[in-house]
Amino acid sequence: MTKNISTADFSSTGYSYTLSLISGRYKPIILYCLMEYEPVRFNEMQRYIGNVADKTLSHNLRELESDGLIIRTVYPVIPPKTEYTLTERGHSLVKVLDHLCDWGNENRPQEV
């Protein structure tokens, strides 16, 4: 059976939806960080990622939280303590991220 691209709509695919949740420069890194090290505090994540502005990291974290992929827990202590963890929905992406890691490990250039 041949598929007809003239009637296809990429935006209605599962692939498109998944990319809309995890696309961007920092979201995949944030998810990977939480997958490996949760719970993670804001400053720890910022150090892990490297050269990322507070505002940019905060914005990406808020988007991931509003999409139901991470949980932000604020502890009522001084100084303020905030930790991030994956939700059950976020954990369901671990298989996808693992496959990306496997592909990268198998296909990256070997160091000489």
PDB file of N, CA and C in Angstrom:
ATOM      1  N   MET A   1       0.841  -1.182   0.000  1.00  0.00           N
ATOM      2  CA  MET A   1       0.000   0.000   0.000  1.00  0.00           C
ATOM      3  C   MET A   1       0.889   1.249   0.000  1.00  0.00           C
ATOM      4  N   THR A   2       0.686   2.130  -0.946  1.00  0.00           N
ATOM      5  CA  THR A   2       1.456   3.353  -1.073  1.00  0.00           C
ATOM      6  C   THR A   2       0.761   4.484  -0.330  1.00  0.00           C
ATOM      7  N   LYS A   3       1.546   5.233   0.417  1.00  0.00           N
ATOM      8  CA  LYS A   3       0.996   6.388   1.134  1.00  0.00           C
ATOM      9  C   LYS A   3       1.069   7.607   0.239  1.00  0.00           C
ATOM     10  N   ASN A   4       0.081   8.482   0.388  1.00  0.00           N
ATOM     11  CA  ASN A   4      -0.003   9.677  -0.440  1.00  0.00           C
ATOM     12  C   ASN A   4       0.394  10.896   0.398  1.00  0.00           C
ATOM     13  N   ILE A   5       1.527  11.490   0.083  1.00  0.00           N
ATOM     14  CA  ILE A   5       2.011  12.638   0.862  1.00  0.00           C
ATOM     15  C   ILE A   5       1.156  13.888   0.652  1.00  0.00           C
ATOM     16  N   SER A   6       0.454  13.967  -0.463  1.00  0.00           N
ATOM     17  CA  SER A   6      -0.339  15.175  -0.733  1.00  0.00           C
ATOM     18  C   SER A   6      -1.491  15.344   0.254  1.00  0.00           C
ATOM     19  N   THR A   7      -1.904  14.272   0.911  1.00  0.00           N
ATOM     20  CA  THR A   7      -2.984  14.381   1.902  1.00  0.00           C
ATOM     21  C   THR A   7      -2.462  14.209   3.332  1.00  0.00           C
ATOM     22  N   ALA A   8      -1.159  14.058   3.475  1.00  0.00           N
ATOM     23  CA  ALA A   8      -0.569  13.843   4.797  1.00  0.00           C
ATOM     24  C   ALA A   8      -0.445  15.153   5.570  1.00  0.00           C
ATOM     25  N   ASP A   9      -0.527  15.037   6.886  1.00  0.00           N
ATOM     26  CA  ASP A   9      -0.397  16.198   7.770  1.00  0.00           C
ATOM     27  C   ASP A   9       0.541  15.836   8.916  1.00  0.00           C
ATOM     28  N   PHE A  10       1.778  16.304   8.829  1.00  0.00           N
ATOM     29  CA  PHE A  10       2.784  15.969   9.829  1.00  0.00           C
ATOM     30  C   PHE A  10       2.345  16.367  11.233  1.00  0.00           C
ATOM     31  N   SER A  11       1.669  17.499  11.368  1.00  0.00           N
ATOM     32  CA  SER A  11       1.304  17.993  12.695  1.00  0.00           C
ATOM     33  C   SER A  11       0.337  17.070  13.426  1.00  0.00           C
ATOM     34  N   SER A  12      -0.292  16.137  12.734  1.00  0.00           N
ATOM     35  CA  SER A  12      -1.230  15.227  13.381  1.00  0.00           C
ATOM     36  C   SER A  12      -0.582  13.894  13.770  1.00  0.00           C
ATOM     37  N   THR A  13       0.725  13.783  13.596  1.00  0.00           N
ATOM     38  CA  THR A  13       1.409  12.528  13.911  1.00  0.00           C
ATOM     39  C   THR A  13       1.895  12.489  15.359  1.00  0.00           C
ATOM     40  N   GLY A  14       2.086  11.302  15.868  1.00  0.00           N
ATOM     41  CA  GLY A  14       2.653  11.127  17.204  1.00  0.00           C
ATOM     42  C   GLY A  14       4.067  11.653  17.283  1.00  0.00           C
ATOM     43  N   TYR A  15       4.793  11.519  16.187  1.00  0.00           N
ATOM     44  CA  TYR A  15       6.171  12.016  16.123  1.00  0.00           C
ATOM     45  C   TYR A  15       6.188  13.525  16.345  1.00  0.00           C
ATOM     46  N   SER A  16       5.284  14.217  15.683  1.00  0.00           N
ATOM     47  CA  SER A  16       5.189  15.670  15.828  1.00  0.00           C
ATOM     48  C   SER A  16       4.862  16.060  17.265  1.00  0.00           C
ATOM     49  N   TYR A  17       3.929  15.338  17.874  1.00  0.00           N
ATOM     50  CA  TYR A  17       3.545  15.646  19.250  1.00  0.00           C
ATOM     51  C   TYR A  17       4.731  15.438  20.198  1.00  0.00           C
ATOM     52  N   THR A  18       5.433  14.315  20.047  1.00  0.00           N
ATOM     53  CA  THR A  18       6.584  14.040  20.902  1.00  0.00           C
ATOM     54  C   THR A  18       7.636  15.129  20.754  1.00  0.00           C
ATOM     55  N   LEU A  19       7.943  15.506  19.510  1.00  0.00           N
ATOM     56  CA  LEU A  19       8.922  16.566  19.287  1.00  0.00           C
ATOM     57  C   LEU A  19       8.482  17.889  19.907  1.00  0.00           C
ATOM     58  N   SER A  20       7.186  18.179  19.878  1.00  0.00           N
ATOM     59  CA  SER A  20       6.704  19.433  20.460  1.00  0.00           C
ATOM     60  C   SER A  20       6.967  19.485  21.961  1.00  0.00           C
ATOM     61  N   LEU A  21       7.026  18.334  22.617  1.00  0.00           N
ATOM     62  CA  LEU A  21       7.274  18.298  24.056  1.00  0.00           C
ATOM     63  C   LEU A  21       8.752  18.342  24.410  1.00  0.00           C
ATOM     64  N   ILE A  22       9.597  17.742  23.574  1.00  0.00           N
ATOM     65  CA  ILE A  22      11.011  17.600  23.956  1.00  0.00           C
ATOM     66  C   ILE A  22      11.971  18.385  23.071  1.00  0.00           C
ATOM     67  N   SER A  23      11.440  19.146  22.120  1.00  0.00           N
ATOM     68  CA  SER A  23      12.346  19.854  21.217  1.00  0.00           C
ATOM     69  C   SER A  23      12.915  21.105  21.873  1.00  0.00           C
ATOM     70  N   GLY A  24      13.984  21.577  21.312  1.00  0.00           N
ATOM     71  CA  GLY A  24      14.656  22.757  21.828  1.00  0.00           C
ATOM     72  C   GLY A  24      16.066  22.396  22.233  1.00  0.00           C
ATOM     73  N   ARG A  25      16.798  23.395  22.594  1.00  0.00           N
ATOM     74  CA  ARG A  25      18.211  23.186  22.926  1.00  0.00           C
ATOM     75  C   ARG A  25      18.402  22.519  24.281  1.00  0.00           C
ATOM     76  N   TYR A  26      17.536  22.837  25.258  1.00  0.00           N
ATOM     77  CA  TYR A  26      17.784  22.392  26.621  1.00  0.00           C
ATOM     78  C   TYR A  26      16.843  21.318  27.133  1.00  0.00           C
ATOM     79  N   LYS A  27      15.657  21.193  26.597  1.00  0.00           N
ATOM     80  CA  LYS A  27      14.703  20.218  27.129  1.00  0.00           C
ATOM     81  C   LYS A  27      15.225  18.793  27.115  1.00  0.00           C
ATOM     82  N   PRO A  28      15.815  18.320  26.013  1.00  0.00           N
ATOM     83  CA  PRO A  28      16.341  16.946  26.054  1.00  0.00           C
ATOM     84  C   PRO A  28      17.443  16.775  27.097  1.00  0.00           C
ATOM     85  N   ILE A  29      18.247  17.812  27.304  1.00  0.00           N
ATOM     86  CA  ILE A  29      19.325  17.747  28.288  1.00  0.00           C
ATOM     87  C   ILE A  29      18.741  17.702  29.698  1.00  0.00           C
ATOM     88  N   ILE A  30      17.726  18.516  29.941  1.00  0.00           N
ATOM     89  CA  ILE A  30      17.054  18.527  31.247  1.00  0.00           C
ATOM     90  C   ILE A  30      16.463  17.151  31.535  1.00  0.00           C
ATOM     91  N   LEU A  31      15.762  16.590  30.561  1.00  0.00           N
ATOM     92  CA  LEU A  31      15.152  15.279  30.748  1.00  0.00           C
ATOM     93  C   LEU A  31      16.214  14.206  30.989  1.00  0.00           C
ATOM     94  N   TYR A  32      17.298  14.274  30.238  1.00  0.00           N
ATOM     95  CA  TYR A  32      18.391  13.312  30.427  1.00  0.00           C
ATOM     96  C   TYR A  32      18.993  13.453  31.828  1.00  0.00           C
ATOM     97  N   CYS A  33      19.215  14.678  32.249  1.00  0.00           N
ATOM     98  CA  CYS A  33      19.774  14.944  33.577  1.00  0.00           C
ATOM     99  C   CYS A  33      18.876  14.342  34.656  1.00  0.00           C
ATOM    100  N   LEU A  34      17.575  14.558  34.548  1.00  0.00           N
ATOM    101  CA  LEU A  34      16.646  14.024  35.541  1.00  0.00           C
ATOM    102  C   LEU A  34      16.568  12.507  35.465  1.00  0.00           C
ATOM    103  N   MET A  35      16.669  11.969  34.264  1.00  0.00           N
ATOM    104  CA  MET A  35      16.643  10.524  34.081  1.00  0.00           C
ATOM    105  C   MET A  35      17.822   9.880  34.809  1.00  0.00           C
ATOM    106  N   GLU A  36      18.970  10.538  34.785  1.00  0.00           N
ATOM    107  CA  GLU A  36      20.180   9.982  35.376  1.00  0.00           C
ATOM    108  C   GLU A  36      20.372  10.323  36.854  1.00  0.00           C
ATOM    109  N   TYR A  37      19.925  11.500  37.292  1.00  0.00           N
ATOM    110  CA  TYR A  37      20.330  11.993  38.607  1.00  0.00           C
ATOM    111  C   TYR A  37      19.201  12.457  39.526  1.00  0.00           C
ATOM    112  N   GLU A  38      17.938  12.249  39.193  1.00  0.00           N
ATOM    113  CA  GLU A  38      16.878  12.855  39.998  1.00  0.00           C
ATOM    114  C   GLU A  38      16.916  12.431  41.454  1.00  0.00           C
ATOM    115  N   PRO A  39      16.493  13.293  42.377  1.00  0.00           N
ATOM    116  CA  PRO A  39      16.064  14.674  42.168  1.00  0.00           C
ATOM    117  C   PRO A  39      17.267  15.599  41.947  1.00  0.00           C
ATOM    118  N   VAL A  40      17.014  16.684  41.236  1.00  0.00           N
ATOM    119  CA  VAL A  40      18.085  17.629  40.909  1.00  0.00           C
ATOM    120  C   VAL A  40      17.628  19.040  41.275  1.00  0.00           C
ATOM    121  N   ARG A  41      18.498  19.768  41.927  1.00  0.00           N
ATOM    122  CA  ARG A  41      18.214  21.164  42.265  1.00  0.00           C
ATOM    123  C   ARG A  41      18.566  22.056  41.078  1.00  0.00           C
ATOM    124  N   PHE A  42      17.976  23.252  41.048  1.00  0.00           N
ATOM    125  CA  PHE A  42      18.152  24.185  39.938  1.00  0.00           C
ATOM    126  C   PHE A  42      19.634  24.455  39.656  1.00  0.00           C
ATOM    127  N   ASN A  43      20.381  24.810  40.696  1.00  0.00           N
ATOM    128  CA  ASN A  43      21.803  25.142  40.495  1.00  0.00           C
ATOM    129  C   ASN A  43      22.619  23.948  40.023  1.00  0.00           C
ATOM    130  N   GLU A  44      22.272  22.753  40.512  1.00  0.00           N
ATOM    131  CA  GLU A  44      22.964  21.548  40.052  1.00  0.00           C
ATOM    132  C   GLU A  44      22.726  21.332  38.559  1.00  0.00           C
ATOM    133  N   MET A  45      21.475  21.534  38.145  1.00  0.00           N
ATOM    134  CA  MET A  45      21.139  21.358  36.740  1.00  0.00           C
ATOM    135  C   MET A  45      21.854  22.397  35.881  1.00  0.00           C
ATOM    136  N   GLN A  46      21.904  23.608  36.362  1.00  0.00           N
ATOM    137  CA  GLN A  46      22.572  24.678  35.624  1.00  0.00           C
ATOM    138  C   GLN A  46      24.064  24.361  35.438  1.00  0.00           C
ATOM    139  N   ARG A  47      24.701  23.845  36.477  1.00  0.00           N
ATOM    140  CA  ARG A  47      26.104  23.449  36.361  1.00  0.00           C
ATOM    141  C   ARG A  47      26.272  22.271  35.405  1.00  0.00           C
ATOM    142  N   TYR A  48      25.354  21.319  35.459  1.00  0.00           N
ATOM    143  CA  TYR A  48      25.408  20.141  34.599  1.00  0.00           C
ATOM    144  C   TYR A  48      25.305  20.544  33.127  1.00  0.00           C
ATOM    145  N   ILE A  49      24.355  21.435  32.826  1.00  0.00           N
ATOM    146  CA  ILE A  49      24.135  21.853  31.439  1.00  0.00           C
ATOM    147  C   ILE A  49      25.268  22.739  30.948  1.00  0.00           C
ATOM    148  N   GLY A  50      25.751  23.607  31.813  1.00  0.00           N
ATOM    149  CA  GLY A  50      26.780  24.547  31.382  1.00  0.00           C
ATOM    150  C   GLY A  50      26.145  25.846  30.944  1.00  0.00           C
ATOM    151  N   ASN A  51      26.769  26.608  30.219  1.00  0.00           N
ATOM    152  CA  ASN A  51      26.434  27.959  29.772  1.00  0.00           C
ATOM    153  C   ASN A  51      24.959  28.171  29.407  1.00  0.00           C
ATOM    154  N   VAL A  52      24.074  28.211  30.415  1.00  0.00           N
ATOM    155  CA  VAL A  52      22.655  28.482  30.195  1.00  0.00           C
ATOM    156  C   VAL A  52      22.211  29.553  31.194  1.00  0.00           C
ATOM    157  N   ALA A  53      21.479  30.533  30.703  1.00  0.00           N
ATOM    158  CA  ALA A  53      21.002  31.627  31.554  1.00  0.00           C
ATOM    159  C   ALA A  53      19.896  31.135  32.485  1.00  0.00           C
ATOM    160  N   ASP A  54      19.817  31.753  33.670  1.00  0.00           N
ATOM    161  CA  ASP A  54      18.766  31.414  34.638  1.00  0.00           C
ATOM    162  C   ASP A  54      17.388  31.471  33.993  1.00  0.00           C
ATOM    163  N   LYS A  55      17.133  32.561  33.282  1.00  0.00           N
ATOM    164  CA  LYS A  55      15.819  32.777  32.664  1.00  0.00           C
ATOM    165  C   LYS A  55      15.495  31.677  31.654  1.00  0.00           C
ATOM    166  N   THR A  56      16.464  31.287  30.851  1.00  0.00           N
ATOM    167  CA  THR A  56      16.256  30.261  29.837  1.00  0.00           C
ATOM    168  C   THR A  56      15.972  28.918  30.487  1.00  0.00           C
ATOM    169  N   LEU A  57      16.765  28.558  31.495  1.00  0.00           N
ATOM    170  CA  LEU A  57      16.555  27.296  32.180  1.00  0.00           C
ATOM    171  C   LEU A  57      15.199  27.288  32.876  1.00  0.00           C
ATOM    172  N   SER A  58      14.867  28.379  33.551  1.00  0.00           N
ATOM    173  CA  SER A  58      13.567  28.479  34.227  1.00  0.00           C
ATOM    174  C   SER A  58      12.415  28.318  33.248  1.00  0.00           C
ATOM    175  N   HIS A  59      12.520  28.958  32.104  1.00  0.00           N
ATOM    176  CA  HIS A  59      11.472  28.885  31.081  1.00  0.00           C
ATOM    177  C   HIS A  59      11.279  27.444  30.590  1.00  0.00           C
ATOM    178  N   ASN A  60      12.389  26.764  30.311  1.00  0.00           N
ATOM    179  CA  ASN A  60      12.307  25.374  29.846  1.00  0.00           C
ATOM    180  C   ASN A  60      11.737  24.462  30.924  1.00  0.00           C
ATOM    181  N   LEU A  61      12.135  24.676  32.166  1.00  0.00           N
ATOM    182  CA  LEU A  61      11.603  23.877  33.269  1.00  0.00           C
ATOM    183  C   LEU A  61      10.101  24.104  33.437  1.00  0.00           C
ATOM    184  N   ARG A  62       9.657  25.350  33.331  1.00  0.00           N
ATOM    185  CA  ARG A  62       8.226  25.654  33.434  1.00  0.00           C
ATOM    186  C   ARG A  62       7.434  24.972  32.322  1.00  0.00           C
ATOM    187  N   GLU A  63       7.980  24.984  31.093  1.00  0.00           N
ATOM    188  CA  GLU A  63       7.295  24.327  29.984  1.00  0.00           C
ATOM    189  C   GLU A  63       7.201  22.818  30.201  1.00  0.00           C
ATOM    190  N   LEU A  64       8.286  22.203  30.651  1.00  0.00           N
ATOM    191  CA  LEU A  64       8.262  20.770  30.917  1.00  0.00           C
ATOM    192  C   LEU A  64       7.285  20.434  32.041  1.00  0.00           C
ATOM    193  N   GLU A  65       7.205  21.326  33.026  1.00  0.00           N
ATOM    194  CA  GLU A  65       6.251  21.126  34.123  1.00  0.00           C
ATOM    195  C   GLU A  65       4.817  21.262  33.617  1.00  0.00           C
ATOM    196  N   SER A  66       4.546  22.274  32.809  1.00  0.00           N
ATOM    197  CA  SER A  66       3.177  22.472  32.297  1.00  0.00           C
ATOM    198  C   SER A  66       2.763  21.356  31.338  1.00  0.00           C
ATOM    199  N   ASP A  67       3.736  20.701  30.704  1.00  0.00           N
ATOM    200  CA  ASP A  67       3.447  19.562  29.829  1.00  0.00           C
ATOM    201  C   ASP A  67       3.319  18.254  30.608  1.00  0.00           C
ATOM    202  N   GLY A  68       3.495  18.325  31.918  1.00  0.00           N
ATOM    203  CA  GLY A  68       3.322  17.148  32.756  1.00  0.00           C
ATOM    204  C   GLY A  68       4.481  16.168  32.735  1.00  0.00           C
ATOM    205  N   LEU A  69       5.675  16.646  32.370  1.00  0.00           N
ATOM    206  CA  LEU A  69       6.833  15.754  32.287  1.00  0.00           C
ATOM    207  C   LEU A  69       7.722  15.813  33.524  1.00  0.00           C
ATOM    208  N   ILE A  70       7.684  16.926  34.249  1.00  0.00           N
ATOM    209  CA  ILE A  70       8.493  17.044  35.462  1.00  0.00           C
ATOM    210  C   ILE A  70       7.650  17.631  36.593  1.00  0.00           C
ATOM    211  N   ILE A  71       8.136  17.408  37.801  1.00  0.00           N
ATOM    212  CA  ILE A  71       7.511  17.963  39.002  1.00  0.00           C
ATOM    213  C   ILE A  71       8.514  18.902  39.654  1.00  0.00           C
ATOM    214  N   ARG A  72       8.040  20.056  40.023  1.00  0.00           N
ATOM    215  CA  ARG A  72       8.853  21.047  40.739  1.00  0.00           C
ATOM    216  C   ARG A  72       8.390  21.042  42.184  1.00  0.00           C
ATOM    217  N   THR A  73       9.313  20.759  43.105  1.00  0.00           N
ATOM    218  CA  THR A  73       8.989  20.733  44.522  1.00  0.00           C
ATOM    219  C   THR A  73       9.771  21.831  45.213  1.00  0.00           C
ATOM    220  N   VAL A  74       9.031  22.740  45.858  1.00  0.00           N
ATOM    221  CA  VAL A  74       9.646  23.853  46.584  1.00  0.00           C
ATOM    222  C   VAL A  74       9.545  23.543  48.075  1.00  0.00           C
ATOM    223  N   TYR A  75      10.687  23.590  48.756  1.00  0.00           N
ATOM    224  CA  TYR A  75      10.727  23.341  50.191  1.00  0.00           C
ATOM    225  C   TYR A  75      10.754  24.670  50.933  1.00  0.00           C
ATOM    226  N   PRO A  76       9.937  24.806  51.983  1.00  0.00           N
ATOM    227  CA  PRO A  76       9.852  26.065  52.726  1.00  0.00           C
ATOM    228  C   PRO A  76      11.006  26.235  53.705  1.00  0.00           C
ATOM    229  N   VAL A  77      12.204  26.423  53.167  1.00  0.00           N
ATOM    230  CA  VAL A  77      13.392  26.620  53.997  1.00  0.00           C
ATOM    231  C   VAL A  77      14.133  27.847  53.514  1.00  0.00           C
ATOM    232  N   ILE A  78      15.037  28.326  54.336  1.00  0.00           N
ATOM    233  CA  ILE A  78      15.876  29.453  53.966  1.00  0.00           C
ATOM    234  C   ILE A  78      17.311  28.954  53.975  1.00  0.00           C
ATOM    235  N   PRO A  79      18.061  29.096  52.910  1.00  0.00           N
ATOM    236  CA  PRO A  79      17.664  29.635  51.608  1.00  0.00           C
ATOM    237  C   PRO A  79      16.695  28.679  50.895  1.00  0.00           C
ATOM    238  N   PRO A  80      15.940  29.203  49.927  1.00  0.00           N
ATOM    239  CA  PRO A  80      14.953  28.393  49.228  1.00  0.00           C
ATOM    240  C   PRO A  80      15.593  27.163  48.572  1.00  0.00           C
ATOM    241  N   LYS A  81      14.853  26.067  48.620  1.00  0.00           N
ATOM    242  CA  LYS A  81      15.326  24.827  48.012  1.00  0.00           C
ATOM    243  C   LYS A  81      14.237  24.330  47.064  1.00  0.00           C
ATOM    244  N   THR A  82      14.613  24.141  45.799  1.00  0.00           N
ATOM    245  CA  THR A  82      13.696  23.639  44.792  1.00  0.00           C
ATOM    246  C   THR A  82      14.331  22.445  44.107  1.00  0.00           C
ATOM    247  N   GLU A  83      13.565  21.356  44.009  1.00  0.00           N
ATOM    248  CA  GLU A  83      14.051  20.159  43.345  1.00  0.00           C
ATOM    249  C   GLU A  83      13.121  19.780  42.200  1.00  0.00           C
ATOM    250  N   TYR A  84      13.694  19.139  41.196  1.00  0.00           N
ATOM    251  CA  TYR A  84      12.944  18.690  40.032  1.00  0.00           C
ATOM    252  C   TYR A  84      13.087  17.183  39.886  1.00  0.00           C
ATOM    253  N   THR A  85      11.980  16.537  39.560  1.00  0.00           N
ATOM    254  CA  THR A  85      11.962  15.102  39.297  1.00  0.00           C
ATOM    255  C   THR A  85      11.058  14.846  38.095  1.00  0.00           C
ATOM    256  N   LEU A  86      11.201  13.675  37.523  1.00  0.00           N
ATOM    257  CA  LEU A  86      10.325  13.275  36.421  1.00  0.00           C
ATOM    258  C   LEU A  86       8.991  12.795  36.970  1.00  0.00           C
ATOM    259  N   THR A  87       7.927  13.093  36.249  1.00  0.00           N
ATOM    260  CA  THR A  87       6.623  12.524  36.565  1.00  0.00           C
ATOM    261  C   THR A  87       6.571  11.115  35.977  1.00  0.00           C
ATOM    262  N   GLU A  88       5.492  10.418  36.222  1.00  0.00           N
ATOM    263  CA  GLU A  88       5.317   9.107  35.603  1.00  0.00           C
ATOM    264  C   GLU A  88       5.331   9.251  34.078  1.00  0.00           C
ATOM    265  N   ARG A  89       4.678  10.298  33.598  1.00  0.00           N
ATOM    266  CA  ARG A  89       4.674  10.569  32.156  1.00  0.00           C
ATOM    267  C   ARG A  89       6.090  10.852  31.654  1.00  0.00           C
ATOM    268  N   GLY A  90       6.868  11.600  32.426  1.00  0.00           N
ATOM    269  CA  GLY A  90       8.256  11.879  32.075  1.00  0.00           C
ATOM    270  C   GLY A  90       9.095  10.611  32.051  1.00  0.00           C
ATOM    271  N   HIS A  91       8.854   9.730  33.034  1.00  0.00           N
ATOM    272  CA  HIS A  91       9.571   8.450  33.065  1.00  0.00           C
ATOM    273  C   HIS A  91       9.245   7.606  31.843  1.00  0.00           C
ATOM    274  N   SER A  92       8.041   7.782  31.287  1.00  0.00           N
ATOM    275  CA  SER A  92       7.681   6.993  30.103  1.00  0.00           C
ATOM    276  C   SER A  92       8.516   7.386  28.888  1.00  0.00           C
ATOM    277  N   LEU A  93       9.167   8.543  28.928  1.00  0.00           N
ATOM    278  CA  LEU A  93      10.064   8.973  27.845  1.00  0.00           C
ATOM    279  C   LEU A  93      11.466   8.373  27.959  1.00  0.00           C
ATOM    280  N   VAL A  94      11.752   7.717  29.080  1.00  0.00           N
ATOM    281  CA  VAL A  94      13.090   7.177  29.304  1.00  0.00           C
ATOM    282  C   VAL A  94      13.482   6.203  28.189  1.00  0.00           C
ATOM    283  N   LYS A  95      12.551   5.376  27.739  1.00  0.00           N
ATOM    284  CA  LYS A  95      12.859   4.440  26.646  1.00  0.00           C
ATOM    285  C   LYS A  95      13.302   5.185  25.397  1.00  0.00           C
ATOM    286  N   VAL A  96      12.610   6.272  25.089  1.00  0.00           N
ATOM    287  CA  VAL A  96      12.949   7.072  23.912  1.00  0.00           C
ATOM    288  C   VAL A  96      14.346   7.666  24.079  1.00  0.00           C
ATOM    289  N   LEU A  97      14.609   8.252  25.241  1.00  0.00           N
ATOM    290  CA  LEU A  97      15.914   8.854  25.507  1.00  0.00           C
ATOM    291  C   LEU A  97      17.015   7.808  25.512  1.00  0.00           C
ATOM    292  N   ASP A  98      16.715   6.625  26.066  1.00  0.00           N
ATOM    293  CA  ASP A  98      17.700   5.536  26.055  1.00  0.00           C
ATOM    294  C   ASP A  98      18.079   5.144  24.632  1.00  0.00           C
ATOM    295  N   HIS A  99      17.084   5.099  23.744  1.00  0.00           N
ATOM    296  CA  HIS A  99      17.367   4.755  22.346  1.00  0.00           C
ATOM    297  C   HIS A  99      18.240   5.831  21.688  1.00  0.00           C
ATOM    298  N   LEU A 100      17.989   7.085  22.012  1.00  0.00           N
ATOM    299  CA  LEU A 100      18.828   8.165  21.493  1.00  0.00           C
ATOM    300  C   LEU A 100      20.262   8.010  21.998  1.00  0.00           C
ATOM    301  N   CYS A 101      20.406   7.671  23.281  1.00  0.00           N
ATOM    302  CA  CYS A 101      21.749   7.466  23.854  1.00  0.00           C
ATOM    303  C   CYS A 101      22.444   6.297  23.172  1.00  0.00           C
ATOM    304  N   ASP A 102      21.718   5.190  23.012  1.00  0.00           N
ATOM    305  CA  ASP A 102      22.308   4.009  22.363  1.00  0.00           C
ATOM    306  C   ASP A 102      22.774   4.344  20.957  1.00  0.00           C
ATOM    307  N   TRP A 103      21.918   5.038  20.204  1.00  0.00           N
ATOM    308  CA  TRP A 103      22.280   5.401  18.831  1.00  0.00           C
ATOM    309  C   TRP A 103      23.530   6.279  18.834  1.00  0.00           C
ATOM    310  N   GLY A 104      23.573   7.263  19.725  1.00  0.00           N
ATOM    311  CA  GLY A 104      24.724   8.154  19.800  1.00  0.00           C
ATOM    312  C   GLY A 104      25.997   7.409  20.154  1.00  0.00           C
ATOM    313  N   ASN A 105      25.899   6.473  21.110  1.00  0.00           N
ATOM    314  CA  ASN A 105      27.083   5.693  21.501  1.00  0.00           C
ATOM    315  C   ASN A 105      27.578   4.812  20.361  1.00  0.00           C
ATOM    316  N   GLU A 106      26.646   4.290  19.571  1.00  0.00           N
ATOM    317  CA  GLU A 106      27.023   3.404  18.461  1.00  0.00           C
ATOM    318  C   GLU A 106      27.542   4.161  17.247  1.00  0.00           C
ATOM    319  N   ASN A 107      27.161   5.415  17.092  1.00  0.00           N
ATOM    320  CA  ASN A 107      27.453   6.132  15.860  1.00  0.00           C
ATOM    321  C   ASN A 107      28.378   7.332  15.994  1.00  0.00           C
ATOM    322  N   ARG A 108      28.755   7.697  17.189  1.00  0.00           N
ATOM    323  CA  ARG A 108      29.666   8.841  17.302  1.00  0.00           C
ATOM    324  C   ARG A 108      31.068   8.426  16.877  1.00  0.00           C
ATOM    325  N   PRO A 109      31.813   9.373  16.361  1.00  0.00           N
ATOM    326  CA  PRO A 109      33.183   9.059  15.935  1.00  0.00           C
ATOM    327  C   PRO A 109      34.018   8.563  17.114  1.00  0.00           C
ATOM    328  N   GLN A 110      34.825   7.586  16.847  1.00  0.00           N
ATOM    329  CA  GLN A 110      35.707   7.039  17.873  1.00  0.00           C
ATOM    330  C   GLN A 110      36.885   7.981  18.090  1.00  0.00           C
ATOM    331  N   GLU A 111      37.250   8.167  19.357  1.00  0.00           N
ATOM    332  CA  GLU A 111      38.405   9.014  19.665  1.00  0.00           C
ATOM    333  C   GLU A 111      39.680   8.255  19.308  1.00  0.00           C
ATOM    334  N   VAL A 112      40.640   8.976  18.801  1.00  0.00           N
ATOM    335  CA  VAL A 112      41.901   8.363  18.393  1.00  0.00           C
ATOM    336  C   VAL A 112      42.885   8.364  19.532  1.00  0.00           C
TER     337      VAL A 112
END
